[in-house]
N, C-alpha and C. Protein backbone atom coordinates (compact mmCIF):
# COMPACT_ATOMS: atom_id res chain seq x y z
N MET A 1 -15.77 9.74 8.88
CA MET A 1 -14.89 9.00 7.95
C MET A 1 -14.60 7.69 8.64
N THR A 2 -14.52 6.64 7.81
CA THR A 2 -14.19 5.32 8.29
C THR A 2 -12.82 4.86 7.68
N GLU A 3 -12.05 4.15 8.41
CA GLU A 3 -10.83 3.61 7.90
C GLU A 3 -11.12 2.31 7.24
N LYS A 4 -10.77 2.15 5.99
CA LYS A 4 -10.96 0.91 5.22
C LYS A 4 -9.62 0.43 4.68
N ARG A 5 -9.64 -0.82 4.11
CA ARG A 5 -8.51 -1.35 3.38
C ARG A 5 -9.00 -1.62 1.95
N CYS A 6 -8.17 -1.20 1.00
CA CYS A 6 -8.47 -1.40 -0.43
C CYS A 6 -8.69 -2.93 -0.68
N ALA A 7 -9.80 -3.24 -1.36
CA ALA A 7 -10.10 -4.59 -1.75
C ALA A 7 -9.05 -5.17 -2.75
N ARG A 8 -8.33 -4.34 -3.43
CA ARG A 8 -7.37 -4.84 -4.39
C ARG A 8 -5.94 -4.86 -3.78
N CYS A 9 -5.45 -3.78 -3.27
CA CYS A 9 -4.01 -3.70 -2.83
C CYS A 9 -3.87 -3.74 -1.26
N ARG A 10 -4.98 -3.71 -0.54
CA ARG A 10 -4.94 -3.78 0.92
C ARG A 10 -4.41 -2.58 1.60
N GLN A 11 -4.10 -1.46 0.89
CA GLN A 11 -3.65 -0.26 1.54
C GLN A 11 -4.81 0.41 2.28
N PRO A 12 -4.49 0.97 3.51
CA PRO A 12 -5.64 1.72 4.21
C PRO A 12 -5.97 3.00 3.56
N PHE A 13 -7.19 3.46 3.70
CA PHE A 13 -7.66 4.75 3.18
C PHE A 13 -8.88 5.11 3.94
N ARG A 14 -9.26 6.39 3.80
CA ARG A 14 -10.48 6.91 4.48
C ARG A 14 -11.67 6.87 3.57
N CYS A 15 -12.78 6.37 4.12
CA CYS A 15 -14.02 6.36 3.38
C CYS A 15 -15.10 7.21 4.05
N GLY A 16 -15.79 7.98 3.27
CA GLY A 16 -16.82 8.89 3.80
C GLY A 16 -18.19 8.44 3.61
N GLY A 17 -18.39 7.18 3.25
CA GLY A 17 -19.78 6.66 3.01
C GLY A 17 -20.45 7.32 1.82
N TYR A 18 -21.65 7.72 1.99
CA TYR A 18 -22.39 8.30 0.89
C TYR A 18 -21.87 9.69 0.47
N GLY A 19 -21.06 10.37 1.22
CA GLY A 19 -20.48 11.62 0.87
C GLY A 19 -18.98 11.48 0.66
N CYS A 20 -18.54 10.34 0.14
CA CYS A 20 -17.13 9.97 -0.02
C CYS A 20 -16.47 10.64 -1.16
N TRP A 21 -15.14 10.71 -1.14
CA TRP A 21 -14.34 11.26 -2.18
C TRP A 21 -14.59 10.55 -3.48
N CYS A 22 -14.88 9.26 -3.42
CA CYS A 22 -14.99 8.41 -4.57
C CYS A 22 -16.17 8.83 -5.54
N THR A 23 -17.15 9.45 -4.98
CA THR A 23 -18.29 9.86 -5.75
C THR A 23 -17.92 10.92 -6.76
N GLU A 24 -16.74 11.57 -6.54
CA GLU A 24 -16.22 12.60 -7.48
C GLU A 24 -15.31 12.04 -8.58
N VAL A 25 -15.01 10.76 -8.52
CA VAL A 25 -14.13 10.12 -9.54
C VAL A 25 -15.02 9.71 -10.68
N PRO A 26 -14.74 10.21 -11.84
CA PRO A 26 -15.61 9.92 -13.00
C PRO A 26 -15.37 8.54 -13.66
N VAL A 27 -15.82 7.49 -13.06
CA VAL A 27 -15.70 6.13 -13.68
C VAL A 27 -16.94 5.93 -14.50
N THR A 28 -16.85 5.16 -15.56
CA THR A 28 -17.96 4.90 -16.38
C THR A 28 -18.79 3.70 -15.74
N ASP A 29 -19.96 3.47 -16.23
CA ASP A 29 -20.76 2.34 -15.78
C ASP A 29 -20.07 1.06 -16.08
N ARG A 30 -19.38 0.89 -17.16
CA ARG A 30 -18.62 -0.34 -17.45
C ARG A 30 -17.50 -0.52 -16.53
N GLN A 31 -16.83 0.57 -16.16
CA GLN A 31 -15.74 0.41 -15.20
C GLN A 31 -16.28 0.07 -13.83
N PHE A 32 -17.38 0.66 -13.44
CA PHE A 32 -18.00 0.34 -12.11
C PHE A 32 -18.40 -1.17 -12.14
N ASP A 33 -19.00 -1.62 -13.22
CA ASP A 33 -19.31 -3.01 -13.30
C ASP A 33 -18.11 -3.98 -13.19
N TRP A 34 -17.06 -3.56 -13.82
CA TRP A 34 -15.77 -4.33 -13.76
C TRP A 34 -15.31 -4.43 -12.34
N ILE A 35 -15.38 -3.31 -11.60
CA ILE A 35 -14.92 -3.30 -10.18
C ILE A 35 -15.88 -4.24 -9.36
N ALA A 36 -17.16 -4.07 -9.55
CA ALA A 36 -18.14 -4.78 -8.77
C ALA A 36 -18.04 -6.32 -9.07
N ALA A 37 -17.64 -6.71 -10.20
CA ALA A 37 -17.53 -8.20 -10.58
C ALA A 37 -16.31 -8.78 -9.91
N ARG A 38 -15.32 -7.98 -9.47
CA ARG A 38 -14.13 -8.48 -8.99
C ARG A 38 -13.84 -8.26 -7.48
N TYR A 39 -14.44 -7.22 -6.90
CA TYR A 39 -14.16 -6.87 -5.55
C TYR A 39 -15.42 -6.71 -4.75
N ARG A 40 -15.35 -7.11 -3.46
CA ARG A 40 -16.54 -6.98 -2.58
C ARG A 40 -16.65 -5.65 -1.91
N ASP A 41 -15.56 -4.88 -1.91
CA ASP A 41 -15.55 -3.61 -1.19
C ASP A 41 -14.84 -2.56 -1.96
N CYS A 42 -14.68 -1.47 -1.39
CA CYS A 42 -14.16 -0.28 -2.09
C CYS A 42 -12.69 -0.40 -2.45
N LEU A 43 -12.28 0.40 -3.49
CA LEU A 43 -10.92 0.51 -3.83
C LEU A 43 -10.36 1.88 -3.31
N CYS A 44 -9.03 1.84 -3.07
CA CYS A 44 -8.37 3.08 -2.60
C CYS A 44 -8.31 4.11 -3.75
N PRO A 45 -7.90 5.31 -3.40
CA PRO A 45 -7.79 6.33 -4.45
C PRO A 45 -6.86 5.91 -5.59
N ALA A 46 -5.73 5.29 -5.25
CA ALA A 46 -4.70 4.93 -6.27
C ALA A 46 -5.34 3.86 -7.24
N CYS A 47 -5.93 2.85 -6.67
CA CYS A 47 -6.44 1.75 -7.51
C CYS A 47 -7.68 2.28 -8.30
N LEU A 48 -8.51 3.07 -7.71
CA LEU A 48 -9.60 3.59 -8.42
C LEU A 48 -9.17 4.46 -9.59
N GLU A 49 -8.14 5.24 -9.38
CA GLU A 49 -7.58 6.07 -10.43
C GLU A 49 -7.01 5.15 -11.63
N GLU A 50 -6.42 3.99 -11.29
CA GLU A 50 -5.96 3.10 -12.26
C GLU A 50 -7.07 2.54 -13.09
N VAL A 51 -8.21 2.31 -12.45
CA VAL A 51 -9.41 1.85 -13.23
C VAL A 51 -9.89 3.00 -14.12
N ARG A 52 -9.98 4.21 -13.61
CA ARG A 52 -10.49 5.30 -14.34
C ARG A 52 -9.65 5.61 -15.54
N THR A 53 -8.28 5.44 -15.40
CA THR A 53 -7.47 5.80 -16.56
C THR A 53 -7.19 4.61 -17.49
N GLY A 54 -7.76 3.42 -17.17
CA GLY A 54 -7.59 2.30 -18.04
C GLY A 54 -6.45 1.42 -17.78
N VAL A 55 -5.64 1.72 -16.75
CA VAL A 55 -4.52 0.91 -16.33
C VAL A 55 -5.01 -0.50 -15.89
N LEU A 56 -6.07 -0.46 -15.08
CA LEU A 56 -6.72 -1.71 -14.69
C LEU A 56 -7.97 -1.92 -15.46
N GLY A 57 -8.36 -3.15 -15.76
CA GLY A 57 -9.52 -3.38 -16.57
C GLY A 57 -9.16 -3.97 -17.90
N SER A 58 -10.14 -4.39 -18.58
CA SER A 58 -9.90 -4.94 -19.92
C SER A 58 -9.69 -3.81 -20.95
N PRO A 59 -8.95 -4.17 -22.04
CA PRO A 59 -8.74 -3.14 -23.06
C PRO A 59 -10.14 -2.59 -23.55
N GLY A 60 -10.17 -1.35 -23.77
CA GLY A 60 -11.42 -0.73 -24.24
C GLY A 60 -12.38 -0.31 -23.09
N GLU A 61 -12.01 -0.61 -21.81
CA GLU A 61 -12.90 -0.20 -20.72
C GLU A 61 -12.37 1.01 -20.09
N GLY A 62 -11.37 1.65 -20.66
CA GLY A 62 -10.82 2.94 -20.07
C GLY A 62 -11.73 4.07 -20.40
N PRO A 63 -11.20 5.25 -20.18
CA PRO A 63 -12.01 6.46 -20.47
C PRO A 63 -12.41 6.53 -21.92
N SER A 64 -13.58 7.09 -22.21
CA SER A 64 -14.02 7.25 -23.60
C SER A 64 -13.70 8.69 -24.09
């Protein structure tokens, strides 16, 4: 595991690379594209959950 800082909120979190916890978070392709267009690195669990639930992102990009 690697210690990283969230590209959005700068909070530290642990990253597992290709076997990371984030691979289990069900974000849509649109949500992933939204993240990739705005951030150069990973988001922490809290920020990724906000994207997944539609709190972050454009209206209509939340869960279907």
